[in-house]
Amino acid sequence: MKKSRRRNKPGKNRVIRIITFLLVAATIVTLGIRYLQNKVSEEYAEEPKDTVIQGTATRGSISTSVYGSGMLSDDDVEKLEILEGIELEKIYVQPGDIVEEGALLATVDTNSAMAAMVSLSDELSQLDSQINSASLETAENLIKSSINGRVKAVFVNKGDDVADVMMEKGALMLLSLDGYMAVDIPAGELSEKESVYVLTAQGQYPASVGKIIGDKATVLVTDVGTNYAEHVTVLNMQGAELGSGELYIHDPLKVIGYTGTVNYIWAKENAQVFSGSSLIELVNQSYTVNLDALLVERRELEDKMEQLIGFYRQGAIYAPFGGTVKEVEATDAQSEETEEESEALETMYISISPDETMSVSVSVDETNILSLSAGQQALVTINSLGEEQYSGTVTEIDRIGTSSSGVTVYTATVSIAKQSGMLSGMSASTAIEIDGVDNALLIPVDALQKTSSSYFVYTSYDETSGTLGGIKEVTIGISNADYVEISSGLSDGDVVYYEEVEEQMSFFMPGGSGGRAEMNFGGGGMPGGMSGGMPGGMPGGSMPSGGMPGGGMPGGR
């Protein structure tokens, strides 16, 4: 006989216990979240997020600055070169030594100094022979045309110094070689070789369109009768204006010179000249360029001879001023050296910094570089020397930028007086003042409100309704992170009102369901996040085992 099996159904009491347990667990979790919210609110809540602040328009100074950082360096280092052929008996200094003016740096082998003087004397003798030959040369007193053309511009007058005119104008005359003057106008509907007219002060000339490149058309007109640099108008065949511009030489040739005084001008403006034609007569060509170069070379050798004589007489090298020895690129005769090392030290020197000024080179963004100029004042902070600020001046701006990741930066150099404790290589921060106003009317920058076309401020506040009013339009000047200059619209002592809206922070509560719990905190959110979560669960062990994950709330925002 078979026994029938029956499934045991859960008893009523057991079901009630399960449901009760689930309800209690859900209640505990809900209470845990509320507890967390309350604790965070108590610990981190500050003033209400919307706070109305009262400000007053007052007189003061305001400035705007460009900021940057870099490393300190000595910018007044002087190299004392040890001439080729000189041998040192002993070197008495090394990098980092502080020396006084007249301090002994190294002793010199006087025999090597004598040998160097003999060699240099031979060089001077050979050079003097070349100078004598060059002094017999005479510069050409006529400047001639090297090609056929038409004179379109004459920049010299009788009595002018040729070198002065070349420096100012870059040429003595300009010739037109192909018979055309040109003017650039908007291309519009024009086509190449289309006939037009050029209207000048002398009359109307037939012309034609030459090249068209992009939206620019070059119009060609005869160089006979038309004047260089004259402003002209271009007309179509019906007389309608197409554009205007300045006439220039289509195919120019510069007539140049280098020495002498203008005595006579043979060729006049608009004159036709031919290859070999005399253009300008010169006088006072005292020497040629070759002679001038030889004389410069002799002066350099004279300076070297003077140094060699000093080395020979004194038998030593002395510091010309006091300061810090920066580099010693030299060797003494007592040291052992290979032939390769000797050649590497052929050009030797000892460099000294007088310890008067230092500089810091800072990178400047392309949006600020045009605001900088030499002579602007700066404040420099040396990171390792504390918060003290040192006065500096912008001495150099390198306007050749370098690009990286789509951003172009430039280098500005700020010089400061060297103070105790400053060392080359220290990190420094700079604030370069680019604009400033004294006795300006200032309000807090947060009080300034903006529309699409103007600025305004609120001048009244209703505490009952909590609303701002009394809108007053203002004109502003310069501003910085704290204040803005008011050029018009307010007077000294006027009161303004503005809201300070606290920053809000939200985060996700971790949980298997992926639900979101958002909490807002005044004052920029909870410092440092809450990476530790709720320590140890709820007080008294009321949080069920497992409860909130051990990580708690994720740190950060």
Protein backbone atom coordinates (compact mmCIF):
# COMPACT_ATOMS: atom_id res chain seq x y z
CA MET A 1 0.00 0.00 0.00
CA LYS A 2 1.38 3.26 -1.17
CA LYS A 3 1.54 6.26 1.06
CA SER A 4 0.74 9.55 -0.66
CA ARG A 5 3.21 12.36 -0.03
CA ARG A 6 1.99 15.84 0.81
CA ARG A 7 3.96 19.05 0.50
CA ASN A 8 4.31 20.82 3.77
CA LYS A 9 2.88 24.29 3.38
CA PRO A 10 4.50 27.01 5.52
CA GLY A 11 2.54 27.73 8.55
CA LYS A 12 0.71 30.97 8.98
CA ASN A 13 2.92 32.08 11.82
CA ARG A 14 6.09 31.49 9.81
CA VAL A 15 4.84 33.67 6.93
CA ILE A 16 4.00 36.41 9.35
CA ARG A 17 7.53 36.21 10.81
CA ILE A 18 9.15 36.47 7.33
CA ILE A 19 7.03 39.46 6.35
CA THR A 20 7.74 41.14 9.66
CA PHE A 21 11.47 40.59 9.26
CA LEU A 22 11.47 42.12 5.76
CA LEU A 23 9.50 45.14 6.94
CA VAL A 24 11.86 45.67 9.86
CA ALA A 25 14.91 45.37 7.57
CA ALA A 26 13.48 47.90 5.12
CA THR A 27 12.63 50.24 7.99
CA ILE A 28 16.16 49.96 9.37
CA VAL A 29 17.71 50.73 5.97
CA THR A 30 15.42 53.75 5.55
CA LEU A 31 16.27 54.98 9.04
CA GLY A 32 19.98 54.47 8.23
CA ILE A 33 19.77 56.69 5.16
CA ARG A 34 17.85 59.34 7.10
CA TYR A 35 20.40 59.13 9.89
CA LEU A 36 23.18 59.66 7.38
CA GLN A 37 21.43 62.64 5.82
CA ASN A 38 20.82 64.24 9.21
CA LYS A 39 24.42 63.73 10.35
CA VAL A 40 25.81 65.21 7.13
CA SER A 41 23.42 68.16 7.37
CA GLU A 42 24.37 68.80 10.98
CA GLU A 43 28.10 68.56 10.32
CA TYR A 44 28.44 70.34 6.98
CA ALA A 45 25.43 72.60 6.51
CA GLU A 46 26.27 76.32 6.58
CA GLU A 47 24.23 79.39 5.71
CA PRO A 48 21.30 79.13 3.31
CA LYS A 49 22.48 78.64 -0.24
CA ASP A 50 21.16 82.00 -1.40
CA THR A 51 22.66 84.84 0.66
CA VAL A 52 22.21 88.53 -0.20
CA ILE A 53 25.38 90.55 0.33
CA GLN A 54 25.63 94.30 0.65
CA GLY A 55 28.58 96.09 -0.95
CA THR A 56 29.68 99.71 -1.19
CA ALA A 57 31.26 101.59 -4.10
CA THR A 58 34.59 102.90 -2.80
CA ARG A 59 37.70 104.58 -4.19
CA GLY A 60 40.89 102.58 -4.52
CA SER A 61 43.55 101.20 -6.83
CA ILE A 62 42.98 98.25 -9.15
CA SER A 63 45.28 96.38 -11.47
CA THR A 64 45.21 93.34 -13.73
CA SER A 65 48.11 90.94 -14.05
CA VAL A 66 49.47 88.10 -16.14
CA TYR A 67 50.80 85.21 -14.09
CA GLY A 68 53.55 82.71 -14.83
CA SER A 69 56.30 80.64 -13.27
CA GLY A 70 59.83 79.58 -14.11
CA MET A 71 63.33 79.16 -12.69
CA LEU A 72 65.78 81.80 -11.50
CA SER A 73 68.98 82.33 -13.46
CA ASP A 74 71.89 84.75 -13.36
CA ASP A 75 71.42 87.07 -16.33
CA ASP A 76 74.59 89.18 -16.03
CA VAL A 77 77.28 86.50 -16.36
CA GLU A 78 80.46 87.72 -18.07
CA LYS A 79 82.95 85.41 -19.76
CA LEU A 80 86.65 86.15 -19.34
CA GLU A 81 88.07 84.44 -22.41
CA ILE A 82 91.58 83.04 -22.22
CA LEU A 83 93.13 83.72 -25.60
CA GLU A 84 94.28 80.92 -27.84
CA GLY A 85 97.89 79.95 -27.18
CA ILE A 86 97.90 81.02 -23.52
CA GLU A 87 98.81 78.31 -21.03
CA LEU A 88 97.80 78.54 -17.38
CA GLU A 89 100.20 77.49 -14.65
CA LYS A 90 97.52 77.10 -11.98
CA ILE A 91 93.80 77.76 -11.59
CA TYR A 92 92.76 79.11 -8.17
CA VAL A 93 88.96 79.12 -8.46
CA GLN A 94 86.15 76.70 -9.18
CA PRO A 95 82.41 77.08 -9.84
CA GLY A 96 80.56 78.41 -6.82
CA ASP A 97 83.48 80.39 -5.38
CA ILE A 98 82.76 83.97 -4.35
CA VAL A 99 85.55 86.34 -5.39
CA GLU A 100 86.26 90.03 -4.85
CA GLU A 101 87.36 92.49 -7.50
CA GLY A 102 91.05 91.96 -8.27
CA ALA A 103 91.11 88.40 -6.86
CA LEU A 104 93.64 86.03 -8.45
CA LEU A 105 91.87 83.59 -10.78
CA ALA A 106 94.82 81.86 -12.45
CA THR A 107 98.53 82.28 -13.13
CA VAL A 108 99.78 82.45 -16.72
CA ASP A 109 102.83 80.87 -18.32
CA THR A 110 104.57 84.06 -19.54
CA ASN A 111 106.50 82.16 -22.21
CA SER A 112 103.19 81.16 -23.83
CA ALA A 113 102.06 84.80 -23.65
CA MET A 114 105.24 85.94 -25.41
CA ALA A 115 104.82 83.28 -28.14
CA ALA A 116 101.21 84.35 -28.65
CA MET A 117 102.28 88.01 -29.02
CA VAL A 118 104.88 87.12 -31.66
CA SER A 119 102.29 85.15 -33.63
CA LEU A 120 99.75 87.97 -33.37
CA SER A 121 102.36 90.51 -34.46
CA ASP A 122 102.88 88.53 -37.67
CA GLU A 123 99.12 88.59 -38.29
CA LEU A 124 99.05 92.36 -37.83
CA SER A 125 101.92 92.82 -40.32
CA GLN A 126 100.13 90.79 -42.97
CA LEU A 127 96.89 92.66 -42.33
CA ASP A 128 98.64 96.04 -42.62
CA SER A 129 99.86 95.06 -46.10
CA GLN A 130 96.28 94.29 -47.14
CA ILE A 131 95.09 97.59 -45.66
CA ASN A 132 97.76 99.48 -47.62
CA SER A 133 96.63 97.88 -50.88
CA ALA A 134 92.95 98.51 -50.13
CA SER A 135 93.61 102.18 -49.31
CA LEU A 136 94.78 102.69 -52.90
CA GLU A 137 91.45 101.45 -54.22
CA THR A 138 88.79 104.02 -55.07
CA ALA A 139 85.06 103.44 -54.98
CA GLU A 140 83.16 104.01 -58.23
CA ASN A 141 81.85 107.58 -58.29
CA LEU A 142 79.01 106.77 -60.71
CA ILE A 143 76.02 104.55 -60.05
CA LYS A 144 74.81 103.16 -63.39
CA SER A 145 71.78 101.22 -64.55
CA SER A 146 72.41 97.54 -65.17
CA ILE A 147 69.30 97.09 -67.34
CA ASN A 148 66.79 98.99 -69.50
CA GLY A 149 63.90 100.48 -67.59
CA ARG A 150 61.99 103.57 -66.50
CA VAL A 151 62.77 105.58 -63.33
CA LYS A 152 59.59 105.62 -61.23
CA ALA A 153 60.87 106.74 -57.81
CA VAL A 154 63.91 108.78 -56.73
CA PHE A 155 64.64 108.76 -52.98
CA VAL A 156 67.87 110.82 -52.97
CA ASN A 157 68.62 114.51 -53.20
CA LYS A 158 71.88 116.32 -53.76
CA GLY A 159 73.99 116.27 -50.59
CA ASP A 160 72.37 113.11 -49.15
CA ASP A 161 74.56 110.47 -47.55
CA VAL A 162 74.06 107.25 -49.49
CA ALA A 163 74.21 105.01 -46.42
CA ASP A 164 71.54 107.07 -44.63
CA VAL A 165 69.13 106.83 -47.58
CA MET A 166 69.72 103.08 -47.87
CA MET A 167 68.92 102.61 -44.18
CA GLU A 168 65.68 104.61 -44.44
CA LYS A 169 64.35 103.63 -47.89
CA GLY A 170 66.19 100.44 -48.78
CA ALA A 171 67.08 101.85 -52.22
CA LEU A 172 68.29 105.04 -53.93
CA MET A 173 65.92 104.70 -56.92
CA LEU A 174 63.27 102.32 -58.23
CA LEU A 175 63.07 101.32 -61.88
CA SER A 176 60.13 99.75 -63.73
CA LEU A 177 61.34 96.94 -65.99
CA ASP A 178 58.25 95.65 -67.82
CA GLY A 179 56.48 98.96 -68.61
CA TYR A 180 53.59 98.48 -66.16
CA MET A 181 52.32 99.94 -62.92
CA ALA A 182 49.80 97.91 -60.93
CA VAL A 183 46.96 98.34 -58.45
CA ASP A 184 45.07 95.66 -56.50
CA ILE A 185 41.26 95.78 -56.17
CA PRO A 186 38.50 93.31 -55.19
CA ALA A 187 38.03 90.74 -57.96
CA GLY A 188 34.24 90.79 -57.88
CA GLU A 189 32.96 89.62 -61.31
CA LEU A 190 36.16 90.58 -63.16
CA SER A 191 38.01 88.14 -65.40
CA GLU A 192 41.65 88.05 -66.49
CA LYS A 193 42.55 90.25 -69.51
CA GLU A 194 39.28 92.21 -69.13
CA SER A 195 39.65 95.84 -70.25
CA VAL A 196 39.16 98.60 -67.67
CA TYR A 197 40.27 102.19 -67.03
CA VAL A 198 42.54 103.65 -64.34
CA LEU A 199 41.62 107.17 -63.24
CA THR A 200 44.56 109.27 -61.93
CA ALA A 201 45.12 112.93 -61.13
CA GLN A 202 46.66 113.32 -64.62
CA GLY A 203 43.79 111.68 -66.49
CA GLN A 204 42.23 108.39 -67.48
CA TYR A 205 44.40 105.51 -68.78
CA PRO A 206 43.33 102.30 -70.51
CA ALA A 207 44.24 99.22 -68.48
CA SER A 208 43.57 95.51 -68.22
CA VAL A 209 43.10 92.89 -65.54
CA GLY A 210 46.22 90.80 -64.99
CA LYS A 211 46.20 87.96 -62.49
CA ILE A 212 43.21 87.12 -60.26
CA ILE A 213 44.16 85.31 -57.08
CA GLY A 214 41.37 84.54 -54.65
CA ASP A 215 39.28 87.66 -54.19
CA LYS A 216 42.06 90.02 -55.40
CA ALA A 217 42.49 91.28 -58.97
CA THR A 218 45.71 92.96 -60.14
CA VAL A 219 45.07 95.71 -62.71
CA LEU A 220 47.97 96.66 -65.03
CA VAL A 221 48.40 100.16 -66.50
CA THR A 222 51.24 101.82 -68.41
CA ASP A 223 54.18 103.24 -66.44
CA VAL A 224 54.37 106.23 -68.81
CA GLY A 225 52.89 109.26 -67.07
CA THR A 226 51.52 107.40 -64.07
CA ASN A 227 53.06 108.08 -60.68
CA TYR A 228 54.45 105.65 -58.10
CA ALA A 229 52.38 105.37 -54.87
CA GLU A 230 49.55 107.53 -56.28
CA HIS A 231 46.02 106.63 -55.11
CA VAL A 232 43.93 105.76 -58.18
CA THR A 233 40.43 104.52 -59.02
CA VAL A 234 39.59 101.64 -61.38
CA LEU A 235 36.49 101.97 -63.64
CA ASN A 236 34.78 99.48 -65.92
CA MET A 237 34.15 100.27 -69.56
CA GLN A 238 30.82 101.89 -68.64
CA GLY A 239 32.49 104.22 -66.14
CA ALA A 240 31.29 102.48 -62.94
CA GLU A 241 33.78 102.31 -60.10
CA LEU A 242 35.22 98.85 -59.42
CA GLY A 243 37.67 99.72 -56.64
CA SER A 244 40.63 101.88 -55.71
CA GLY A 245 44.15 101.51 -54.36
CA GLU A 246 47.78 102.66 -54.49
CA LEU A 247 49.87 102.25 -57.63
CA TYR A 248 53.01 100.18 -57.30
CA ILE A 249 55.69 99.05 -59.75
CA HIS A 250 54.70 95.71 -61.26
CA ASP A 251 58.28 94.54 -61.97
CA PRO A 252 60.65 96.76 -59.92
CA LEU A 253 64.44 97.01 -59.69
CA LYS A 254 66.17 98.65 -56.71
CA VAL A 255 69.13 100.93 -57.43
CA ILE A 256 71.48 100.68 -54.44
CA GLY A 257 74.77 102.12 -53.12
CA TYR A 258 76.85 101.82 -49.97
CA THR A 259 79.10 104.86 -49.50
CA GLY A 260 79.58 108.46 -50.58
CA THR A 261 77.56 111.66 -50.92
CA VAL A 262 75.14 112.42 -53.76
CA ASN A 263 76.63 115.14 -55.98
CA TYR A 264 74.36 115.00 -59.02
CA ILE A 265 71.27 113.05 -60.13
CA TRP A 266 71.34 112.29 -63.85
CA ALA A 267 68.05 110.40 -64.13
CA LYS A 268 64.75 112.03 -63.20
CA GLU A 269 61.39 110.41 -62.40
CA ASN A 270 59.61 108.86 -65.43
CA ALA A 271 62.80 109.04 -67.53
CA GLN A 272 63.62 106.04 -69.71
CA VAL A 273 67.12 104.68 -69.00
CA PHE A 274 69.22 102.00 -70.67
CA SER A 275 71.81 99.51 -69.53
CA GLY A 276 75.00 101.43 -68.66
CA SER A 277 73.22 104.78 -68.27
CA SER A 278 74.61 107.00 -65.47
CA LEU A 279 72.00 107.51 -62.74
CA ILE A 280 73.79 109.19 -59.78
CA GLU A 281 77.18 110.87 -59.34
CA LEU A 282 78.88 110.48 -55.94
CA VAL A 283 81.67 112.26 -54.06
CA ASN A 284 83.47 111.68 -50.74
CA GLN A 285 84.03 107.94 -51.21
CA SER A 286 86.87 107.92 -48.66
CA TYR A 287 87.31 104.16 -48.65
CA THR A 288 85.90 100.98 -50.02
CA VAL A 289 83.91 98.29 -48.20
CA ASN A 290 86.97 96.03 -48.38
CA LEU A 291 89.09 98.60 -46.55
CA ASP A 292 86.39 99.12 -43.93
CA ALA A 293 86.25 95.37 -43.17
CA LEU A 294 90.05 95.19 -42.87
CA LEU A 295 90.09 98.11 -40.43
CA VAL A 296 87.46 96.40 -38.24
CA GLU A 297 89.58 93.21 -38.21
CA ARG A 298 92.69 95.21 -37.19
CA ARG A 299 90.88 96.80 -34.25
CA GLU A 300 89.96 93.32 -33.00
CA LEU A 301 93.60 92.19 -33.23
CA GLU A 302 94.68 95.33 -31.40
CA ASP A 303 92.36 94.41 -28.49
CA LYS A 304 93.84 90.90 -28.36
CA MET A 305 97.39 92.29 -28.33
CA GLU A 306 96.47 94.55 -25.40
CA GLN A 307 95.21 91.51 -23.43
CA LEU A 308 98.34 89.49 -24.23
CA ILE A 309 100.57 92.29 -23.04
CA GLY A 310 98.61 92.35 -19.77
CA PHE A 311 98.99 88.59 -19.34
CA TYR A 312 102.75 88.82 -19.99
CA ARG A 313 103.35 91.72 -17.60
CA GLN A 314 101.15 90.49 -14.76
CA GLY A 315 101.68 86.77 -15.24
CA ALA A 316 98.15 86.18 -14.03
CA ILE A 317 94.43 86.67 -14.64
CA TYR A 318 92.54 88.75 -12.08
CA ALA A 319 88.82 89.20 -11.49
CA PRO A 320 87.67 92.48 -13.11
CA PHE A 321 84.80 92.68 -10.59
CA GLY A 322 83.47 90.83 -7.58
CA GLY A 323 80.91 88.06 -7.80
CA THR A 324 80.34 84.33 -8.03
CA VAL A 325 82.36 82.05 -10.30
CA LYS A 326 79.82 80.27 -12.52
CA GLU A 327 81.98 78.20 -14.88
CA VAL A 328 85.65 77.32 -15.34
CA GLU A 329 86.29 75.97 -18.83
CA ALA A 330 90.08 75.77 -18.65
CA THR A 331 92.98 73.56 -17.64
CA ASP A 332 96.35 74.24 -16.07
CA ALA A 333 99.71 73.07 -17.40
CA GLN A 334 100.29 70.85 -14.35
CA SER A 335 97.27 68.65 -15.03
CA GLU A 336 97.50 65.55 -17.16
CA GLU A 337 95.45 65.69 -20.35
CA THR A 338 95.19 63.79 -23.58
CA GLU A 339 95.59 65.44 -26.95
CA GLU A 340 91.81 65.21 -27.53
CA GLU A 341 91.08 66.97 -24.22
CA SER A 342 93.57 69.70 -25.09
CA GLU A 343 91.81 70.38 -28.39
CA ALA A 344 88.44 70.45 -26.65
CA LEU A 345 89.74 73.18 -24.33
CA GLU A 346 91.19 75.27 -27.15
CA THR A 347 88.68 78.02 -26.37
CA MET A 348 88.90 78.53 -22.62
CA TYR A 349 87.16 80.93 -20.27
CA ILE A 350 86.22 81.69 -16.69
CA SER A 351 82.73 83.13 -16.24
CA ILE A 352 81.74 85.30 -13.27
CA SER A 353 78.39 86.71 -12.22
CA PRO A 354 78.57 90.07 -10.38
CA ASP A 355 75.53 88.96 -8.31
CA GLU A 356 73.58 92.13 -9.09
CA THR A 357 70.54 90.89 -11.01
CA MET A 358 68.71 87.65 -11.70
CA SER A 359 65.96 86.80 -14.14
CA VAL A 360 63.09 84.37 -14.47
CA SER A 361 61.70 83.32 -17.86
CA VAL A 362 57.96 82.61 -17.81
CA SER A 363 55.63 81.14 -20.41
CA VAL A 364 52.79 83.43 -21.49
CA ASP A 365 49.64 82.25 -23.25
CA GLU A 366 48.90 83.61 -26.73
CA THR A 367 45.82 85.43 -25.40
CA ASN A 368 48.01 87.56 -23.08
CA ILE A 369 51.29 88.06 -24.96
CA LEU A 370 50.14 91.24 -26.77
CA SER A 371 49.39 92.81 -23.37
CA LEU A 372 53.05 92.62 -22.36
CA SER A 373 55.81 95.10 -23.16
CA ALA A 374 59.32 95.77 -21.92
CA GLY A 375 59.38 97.99 -18.83
CA GLN A 376 56.19 96.67 -17.20
CA GLN A 377 56.40 96.11 -13.46
CA ALA A 378 56.17 92.64 -11.94
CA LEU A 379 56.12 90.97 -8.54
CA VAL A 380 58.24 87.84 -8.11
CA THR A 381 57.86 85.23 -5.38
CA ILE A 382 60.69 82.75 -4.80
CA ASN A 383 58.98 79.55 -3.64
CA SER A 384 61.82 78.37 -1.38
CA LEU A 385 62.22 81.81 0.27
CA GLY A 386 58.67 82.12 1.57
CA GLU A 387 55.87 84.48 0.57
CA GLU A 388 57.94 87.67 0.31
CA GLN A 389 57.47 89.46 -3.03
CA TYR A 390 60.32 91.11 -4.92
CA SER A 391 59.91 93.96 -7.41
CA GLY A 392 60.92 93.15 -10.96
CA THR A 393 60.72 94.52 -14.51
CA VAL A 394 59.93 92.89 -17.84
CA THR A 395 63.19 93.17 -19.80
CA GLU A 396 62.61 90.94 -22.81
CA ILE A 397 59.72 89.37 -24.73
CA ASP A 398 60.33 86.55 -27.19
CA ARG A 399 57.51 86.77 -29.71
CA ILE A 400 58.43 83.54 -31.48
CA GLY A 401 56.00 81.11 -29.92
CA THR A 402 56.03 77.36 -29.49
CA SER A 403 52.90 75.26 -29.96
CA SER A 404 51.86 72.21 -28.00
CA SER A 405 48.46 70.46 -28.03
CA GLY A 406 46.95 73.34 -30.00
CA VAL A 407 48.13 76.04 -27.55
CA THR A 408 50.84 78.57 -28.43
CA VAL A 409 52.97 80.05 -25.66
CA TYR A 410 55.63 82.76 -25.64
CA THR A 411 58.45 83.60 -23.26
CA ALA A 412 58.79 86.79 -21.21
CA THR A 413 61.86 87.56 -19.09
CA VAL A 414 61.51 89.37 -15.75
CA SER A 415 64.64 90.77 -14.08
CA ILE A 416 64.98 91.42 -10.34
CA ALA A 417 67.73 92.66 -8.05
CA LYS A 418 69.57 89.71 -6.52
CA GLN A 419 68.93 89.28 -2.80
CA SER A 420 70.49 87.08 -0.14
CA GLY A 421 69.41 83.47 -0.49
CA MET A 422 68.54 83.65 -4.18
CA LEU A 423 70.21 80.88 -6.15
CA SER A 424 70.16 79.96 -9.80
CA GLY A 425 67.65 77.16 -10.46
CA MET A 426 65.15 78.11 -7.73
CA SER A 427 61.48 78.03 -8.70
CA ALA A 428 59.78 81.43 -8.94
CA SER A 429 56.28 82.76 -9.62
CA THR A 430 55.60 86.10 -11.30
CA ALA A 431 52.68 88.49 -11.56
CA ILE A 432 53.20 91.03 -14.35
CA GLU A 433 50.98 94.09 -14.01
CA ILE A 434 49.53 94.86 -17.45
CA ASP A 435 47.04 97.57 -16.50
CA GLY A 436 46.23 99.64 -13.45
CA VAL A 437 44.09 102.58 -12.31
CA ASP A 438 44.52 104.69 -9.16
CA ASN A 439 41.60 106.37 -7.38
CA ALA A 440 39.12 104.21 -9.29
CA LEU A 441 35.52 103.67 -8.15
CA LEU A 442 35.35 99.98 -7.26
CA ILE A 443 32.65 97.43 -6.39
CA PRO A 444 32.94 93.69 -5.76
CA VAL A 445 33.09 91.91 -9.10
CA ASP A 446 30.32 89.53 -7.97
CA ALA A 447 27.94 92.49 -7.72
CA LEU A 448 28.17 93.16 -11.47
CA GLN A 449 25.30 91.77 -13.53
CA LYS A 450 25.32 91.39 -17.32
CA THR A 451 22.78 91.44 -20.10
CA SER A 452 23.50 90.70 -23.75
CA SER A 453 24.48 94.32 -24.37
CA SER A 454 25.16 96.08 -21.07
CA TYR A 455 26.05 95.83 -17.38
CA PHE A 456 23.94 96.74 -14.34
CA VAL A 457 23.81 96.47 -10.53
CA TYR A 458 21.04 96.15 -7.93
CA THR A 459 20.83 99.12 -5.55
CA SER A 460 17.96 97.99 -3.28
CA TYR A 461 16.87 94.88 -1.37
CA ASP A 462 13.46 94.06 0.13
CA GLU A 463 14.10 91.85 3.16
CA THR A 464 10.42 90.97 3.49
CA SER A 465 10.03 89.54 0.00
CA GLY A 466 13.72 88.70 -0.42
CA THR A 467 13.86 90.41 -3.82
CA LEU A 468 16.53 92.65 -5.34
CA GLY A 469 15.63 95.85 -7.17
CA GLY A 470 16.79 99.33 -8.09
CA ILE A 471 18.44 98.23 -11.32
CA LYS A 472 21.07 100.74 -12.41
CA GLU A 473 23.03 100.47 -15.65
CA VAL A 474 26.79 101.03 -15.31
CA THR A 475 29.85 101.39 -17.52
CA ILE A 476 32.86 99.36 -16.44
CA GLY A 477 36.63 99.71 -16.79
CA ILE A 478 39.22 97.10 -15.85
CA SER A 479 38.54 94.23 -13.50
CA ASN A 480 40.32 91.44 -11.67
CA ALA A 481 39.25 88.42 -9.63
CA ASP A 482 37.91 90.58 -6.77
CA TYR A 483 36.85 94.03 -7.99
CA VAL A 484 35.64 95.86 -11.08
CA GLU A 485 36.11 99.54 -11.93
CA ILE A 486 32.90 101.54 -12.46
CA SER A 487 33.46 104.33 -14.98
CA SER A 488 29.91 105.73 -14.82
CA GLY A 489 26.54 104.95 -13.23
CA LEU A 490 27.53 104.97 -9.56
CA SER A 491 29.00 107.42 -7.08
CA ASP A 492 31.36 106.99 -4.17
CA GLY A 493 29.44 105.48 -1.24
CA ASP A 494 26.56 104.00 -3.28
CA VAL A 495 25.34 100.66 -1.95
CA VAL A 496 24.88 97.60 -4.17
CA TYR A 497 23.32 94.21 -3.42
CA TYR A 498 23.94 90.81 -4.90
CA GLU A 499 23.24 87.15 -4.23
CA GLU A 500 25.88 84.64 -3.37
CA VAL A 501 24.68 81.26 -4.58
CA GLU A 502 26.47 78.45 -2.80
CA GLU A 503 27.90 75.62 -4.89
CA GLN A 504 25.91 72.41 -4.78
CA MET A 505 27.28 68.89 -4.61
CA SER A 506 25.54 65.66 -5.45
CA PHE A 507 26.62 62.07 -5.30
CA PHE A 508 25.23 58.56 -5.70
CA MET A 509 24.54 56.22 -2.84
CA PRO A 510 25.86 52.75 -3.64
CA GLY A 511 23.29 50.00 -3.85
CA GLY A 512 22.35 46.93 -5.82
CA SER A 513 19.23 48.55 -7.27
CA GLY A 514 21.20 51.41 -8.80
CA GLY A 515 18.95 53.95 -7.11
CA ARG A 516 20.17 57.56 -6.77
CA ALA A 517 20.27 59.51 -3.52
CA GLU A 518 21.17 63.19 -4.12
CA MET A 519 22.31 65.40 -1.24
CA ASN A 520 23.12 69.12 -1.44
CA PHE A 521 25.62 70.92 0.77
CA GLY A 522 26.38 74.60 1.12
CA GLY A 523 29.88 75.99 1.01
CA GLY A 524 31.23 73.94 -1.84
CA GLY A 525 30.26 70.46 -0.65
CA MET A 526 31.78 68.10 1.87
CA PRO A 527 35.51 68.54 2.27
CA GLY A 528 37.45 65.61 0.93
CA GLY A 529 34.34 63.56 0.18
CA MET A 530 33.38 60.83 2.63
CA SER A 531 35.65 58.08 1.46
CA GLY A 532 35.35 56.23 4.75
CA GLY A 533 31.58 55.96 4.60
CA MET A 534 29.64 55.45 7.85
CA PRO A 535 32.07 53.98 10.38
CA GLY A 536 30.99 50.73 11.94
CA GLY A 537 27.40 50.81 10.80
CA MET A 538 24.61 52.36 12.87
CA PRO A 539 25.07 53.06 16.58
CA GLY A 540 24.05 50.26 18.91
CA GLY A 541 24.33 47.68 16.15
CA SER A 542 20.91 48.57 14.76
CA MET A 543 22.10 48.30 11.18
CA PRO A 544 21.61 44.73 10.02
CA SER A 545 24.66 42.69 9.13
CA GLY A 546 25.84 43.46 5.62
CA GLY A 547 23.80 46.70 5.55
CA MET A 548 25.57 49.43 3.59
CA PRO A 549 28.67 48.29 1.68
CA GLY A 550 31.92 48.83 3.57
CA GLY A 551 33.00 51.54 1.14
CA GLY A 552 30.17 53.81 2.18
CA MET A 553 29.75 56.86 -0.02
CA PRO A 554 32.33 57.29 -2.79
CA GLY A 555 34.96 59.88 -2.05
CA GLY A 556 35.06 63.08 -3.96
CA ARG A 557 32.31 64.70 -5.93
